[in-house]
C-alpha atoms as a PDB file:
ATOM      1  CA  UNK A   1       0.092   0.192  -0.242  1.00  0.00           C
ATOM      2  CA  UNK A   2       1.425   3.364  -1.157  1.00  0.00           C
ATOM      3  CA  UNK A   3       1.459   6.237   1.603  1.00  0.00           C
ATOM      4  CA  UNK A   4      -0.852   9.344   0.760  1.00  0.00           C
ATOM      5  CA  UNK A   5       1.623  11.518   0.395  1.00  0.00           C
ATOM      6  CA  UNK A   6       3.449   9.929  -2.061  1.00  0.00           C
ATOM      7  CA  UNK A   7       0.631   9.229  -4.053  1.00  0.00           C
ATOM      8  CA  UNK A   8      -0.703  12.425  -4.444  1.00  0.00           C
ATOM      9  CA  UNK A   9       2.091  13.957  -6.766  1.00  0.00           C
ATOM     10  CA  UNK A  10       1.389  11.125  -9.013  1.00  0.00           C
ATOM     11  CA  UNK A  11      -1.980  12.291  -9.493  1.00  0.00           C
ATOM     12  CA  UNK A  12      -1.115  15.646  -9.639  1.00  0.00           C
ATOM     13  CA  UNK A  13       1.120  14.064 -12.542  1.00  0.00           C
ATOM     14  CA  UNK A  14      -1.004  12.444 -14.553  1.00  0.00           C
ATOM     15  CA  UNK A  15      -3.625  15.341 -13.849  1.00  0.00           C
ATOM     16  CA  UNK A  16      -1.202  18.014 -15.319  1.00  0.00           C
ATOM     17  CA  UNK A  17      -0.530  15.571 -18.338  1.00  0.00           C
ATOM     18  CA  UNK A  18      -4.050  15.356 -19.922  1.00  0.00           C
ATOM     19  CA  UNK A  19      -4.678  19.060 -18.957  1.00  0.00           C
ATOM     20  CA  UNK A  20      -1.465  19.911 -20.783  1.00  0.00           C
ATOM     21  CA  UNK A  21      -2.304  17.625 -23.536  1.00  0.00           C
ATOM     22  CA  UNK A  22      -5.678  19.115 -24.176  1.00  0.00           C
ATOM     23  CA  UNK A  23      -3.792  22.752 -23.983  1.00  0.00           C
ATOM     24  CA  UNK A  24      -1.899  22.077 -26.542  1.00  0.00           C
ATOM     25  CA  UNK A  25      -4.604  20.471 -28.972  1.00  0.00           C
ATOM     26  CA  UNK A  26      -6.503  23.612 -28.436  1.00  0.00           C
ATOM     27  CA  UNK A  27      -3.176  25.557 -28.992  1.00  0.00           C
ATOM     28  CA  UNK A  28      -3.177  24.032 -32.391  1.00  0.00           C
ATOM     29  CA  UNK A  29      -6.871  24.573 -32.955  1.00  0.00           C
ATOM     30  CA  UNK A  30      -6.766  28.137 -32.536  1.00  0.00           C
ATOM     31  CA  UNK A  31      -3.485  28.646 -34.606  1.00  0.00           C
ATOM     32  CA  UNK A  32      -5.277  26.680 -37.362  1.00  0.00           C
ATOM     33  CA  UNK A  33      -8.487  28.922 -37.159  1.00  0.00           C
ATOM     34  CA  UNK A  34      -6.255  32.404 -36.933  1.00  0.00           C
ATOM     35  CA  UNK A  35      -4.613  30.925 -40.169  1.00  0.00           C
ATOM     36  CA  UNK A  36      -7.989  30.751 -42.017  1.00  0.00           C
ATOM     37  CA  UNK A  37      -8.813  33.962 -40.575  1.00  0.00           C
ATOM     38  CA  UNK A  38      -5.365  35.470 -42.196  1.00  0.00           C
ATOM     39  CA  UNK A  39      -6.309  33.832 -45.858  1.00  0.00           C
ATOM     40  CA  UNK A  40      -9.274  34.921 -45.457  1.00  0.00           C
ATOM     41  CA  UNK A  41      -8.566  38.681 -44.611  1.00  0.00           C
ATOM     42  CA  UNK A  42      -5.922  38.363 -47.756  1.00  0.00           C
ATOM     43  CA  UNK A  43      -9.166  36.950 -49.873  1.00  0.00           C
ATOM     44  CA  UNK A  44     -11.391  40.192 -49.045  1.00  0.00           C
ATOM     45  CA  UNK A  45      -8.419  42.529 -50.084  1.00  0.00           C
ATOM     46  CA  UNK A  46      -7.983  40.720 -53.019  1.00  0.00           C
ATOM     47  CA  UNK A  47     -11.709  41.188 -53.857  1.00  0.00           C
ATOM     48  CA  UNK A  48     -11.715  45.005 -53.089  1.00  0.00           C
ATOM     49  CA  UNK A  49      -8.871  45.445 -55.397  1.00  0.00           C
ATOM     50  CA  UNK A  50     -10.834  43.349 -58.367  1.00  0.00           C
ATOM     51  CA  UNK A  51     -14.171  45.195 -57.355  1.00  0.00           C
ATOM     52  CA  UNK A  52     -12.414  48.779 -57.788  1.00  0.00           C
ATOM     53  CA  UNK A  53     -11.020  48.001 -61.356  1.00  0.00           C
ATOM     54  CA  UNK A  54     -14.950  46.620 -61.915  1.00  0.00           C
ATOM     55  CA  UNK A  55     -15.547  49.876 -60.581  1.00  0.00           C
ATOM     56  CA  UNK A  56     -13.695  51.614 -62.727  1.00  0.00           C
ATOM     57  CA  UNK A  57     -14.809  49.582 -66.007  1.00  0.00           C
ATOM     58  CA  UNK A  58     -18.625  50.160 -65.297  1.00  0.00           C
ATOM     59  CA  UNK A  59     -17.967  54.008 -64.698  1.00  0.00           C
ATOM     60  CA  UNK A  60     -16.420  54.330 -68.393  1.00  0.00           C
ATOM     61  CA  UNK A  61     -18.862  52.341 -69.431  1.00  0.00           C
ATOM     62  CA  UNK A  62     -21.345  54.038 -68.389  1.00  0.00           C
ATOM     63  CA  UNK A  63     -20.394  57.022 -69.488  1.00  0.00           C
ATOM     64  CA  UNK A  64     -19.823  55.813 -72.777  1.00  0.00           C
ATOM     65  CA  UNK A  65     -23.774  54.387 -72.800  1.00  0.00           C
ATOM     66  CA  UNK A  66     -24.706  58.294 -71.630  1.00  0.00           C
ATOM     67  CA  UNK A  67     -23.005  59.691 -74.618  1.00  0.00           C
ATOM     68  CA  UNK A  68     -24.202  57.003 -76.958  1.00  0.00           C
ATOM     69  CA  UNK A  69     -27.834  58.221 -75.272  1.00  0.00           C
ATOM     70  CA  UNK A  70     -27.161  61.594 -75.844  1.00  0.00           C
ATOM     71  CA  UNK A  71     -26.458  60.661 -79.398  1.00  0.00           C
ATOM     72  CA  UNK A  72     -29.734  58.705 -80.246  1.00  0.00           C
ATOM     73  CA  UNK A  73     -31.997  61.312 -78.513  1.00  0.00           C
ATOM     74  CA  UNK A  74     -35.453  61.088 -77.083  1.00  0.00           C
ATOM     75  CA  UNK A  75     -37.405  59.823 -80.330  1.00  0.00           C
ATOM     76  CA  UNK A  76     -34.520  57.221 -81.437  1.00  0.00           C
ATOM     77  CA  UNK A  77     -35.068  55.544 -77.545  1.00  0.00           C
ATOM     78  CA  UNK A  78     -38.648  55.603 -78.018  1.00  0.00           C
ATOM     79  CA  UNK A  79     -38.604  53.642 -81.374  1.00  0.00           C
ATOM     80  CA  UNK A  80     -35.934  51.283 -79.849  1.00  0.00           C
ATOM     81  CA  UNK A  81     -38.933  50.581 -77.403  1.00  0.00           C
ATOM     82  CA  UNK A  82     -41.620  49.257 -79.740  1.00  0.00           C
ATOM     83  CA  UNK A  83     -39.420  47.571 -82.748  1.00  0.00           C
ATOM     84  CA  UNK A  84     -37.435  44.544 -81.139  1.00  0.00           C
ATOM     85  CA  UNK A  85     -37.690  41.730 -83.771  1.00  0.00           C
ATOM     86  CA  UNK A  86     -37.000  38.116 -82.435  1.00  0.00           C
ATOM     87  CA  UNK A  87     -35.695  35.565 -84.901  1.00  0.00           C
ATOM     88  CA  UNK A  88     -36.453  32.490 -82.907  1.00  0.00           C
ATOM     89  CA  UNK A  89     -38.164  30.736 -82.200  1.00  0.00           C
ATOM     90  CA  UNK A  90     -41.090  32.709 -84.197  1.00  0.00           C
ATOM     91  CA  UNK A  91     -40.447  35.903 -85.560  1.00  0.00           C
ATOM     92  CA  UNK A  92     -41.913  38.330 -82.612  1.00  0.00           C
ATOM     93  CA  UNK A  93     -42.280  42.139 -82.108  1.00  0.00           C
ATOM     94  CA  UNK A  94     -42.014  42.979 -78.985  1.00  0.00           C
ATOM     95  CA  UNK A  95     -42.510  46.219 -76.982  1.00  0.00           C
ATOM     96  CA  UNK A  96     -40.701  47.276 -74.160  1.00  0.00           C
ATOM     97  CA  UNK A  97     -43.128  49.811 -72.850  1.00  0.00           C
ATOM     98  CA  UNK A  98     -46.202  47.539 -72.866  1.00  0.00           C
ATOM     99  CA  UNK A  99     -44.474  44.540 -72.589  1.00  0.00           C
ATOM    100  CA  UNK A 100     -46.637  42.831 -75.405  1.00  0.00           C
ATOM    101  CA  UNK A 101     -45.459  40.712 -78.172  1.00  0.00           C
ATOM    102  CA  UNK A 102     -47.517  39.845 -81.655  1.00  0.00           C
ATOM    103  CA  UNK A 103     -46.252  36.652 -83.083  1.00  0.00           C
ATOM    104  CA  UNK A 104     -45.668  37.114 -86.882  1.00  0.00           C
ATOM    105  CA  UNK A 105     -46.513  40.843 -86.773  1.00  0.00           C
ATOM    106  CA  UNK A 106     -44.193  43.485 -88.221  1.00  0.00           C
ATOM    107  CA  UNK A 107     -45.769  46.552 -85.906  1.00  0.00           C
ATOM    108  CA  UNK A 108     -46.813  45.831 -82.035  1.00  0.00           C
ATOM    109  CA  UNK A 109     -50.438  46.928 -81.098  1.00  0.00           C
ATOM    110  CA  UNK A 110     -49.694  48.460 -77.829  1.00  0.00           C
ATOM    111  CA  UNK A 111     -52.542  49.776 -75.147  1.00  0.00           C
ATOM    112  CA  UNK A 112     -53.419  53.186 -75.407  1.00  0.00           C
ATOM    113  CA  UNK A 113     -50.717  55.391 -73.668  1.00  0.00           C
ATOM    114  CA  UNK A 114     -49.242  52.384 -72.164  1.00  0.00           C
ATOM    115  CA  UNK A 115     -45.470  52.785 -74.409  1.00  0.00           C
ATOM    116  CA  UNK A 116     -43.973  55.809 -74.915  1.00  0.00           C
ATOM    117  CA  UNK A 117     -43.283  54.791 -78.538  1.00  0.00           C
ATOM    118  CA  UNK A 118     -46.670  55.401 -79.627  1.00  0.00           C
END
């Protein structure tokens, strides 16, 4: 039989070993989580840079579209609204203002006042 004073240090040593192993596992998990967070931060910064480039491209395209619309003028925009011809599956004339289609028709027949092109 062991003496009580000699068994206590052995028990504490085993408890300390288990707690130390658990602490080491937690440290590994925390390190892995931090690594993923740093990678995500880098990815977000990369996407921010890509978004800034896309926003610049979009601004240029918007300016070009605005200039084109000024060239076309209001009458050209109304005409473009009502005479979009789709060749497939069947020829149709689409009216953007009233959203009606006329299969095989050459001109749309919009509701009165519904289409700005009429």
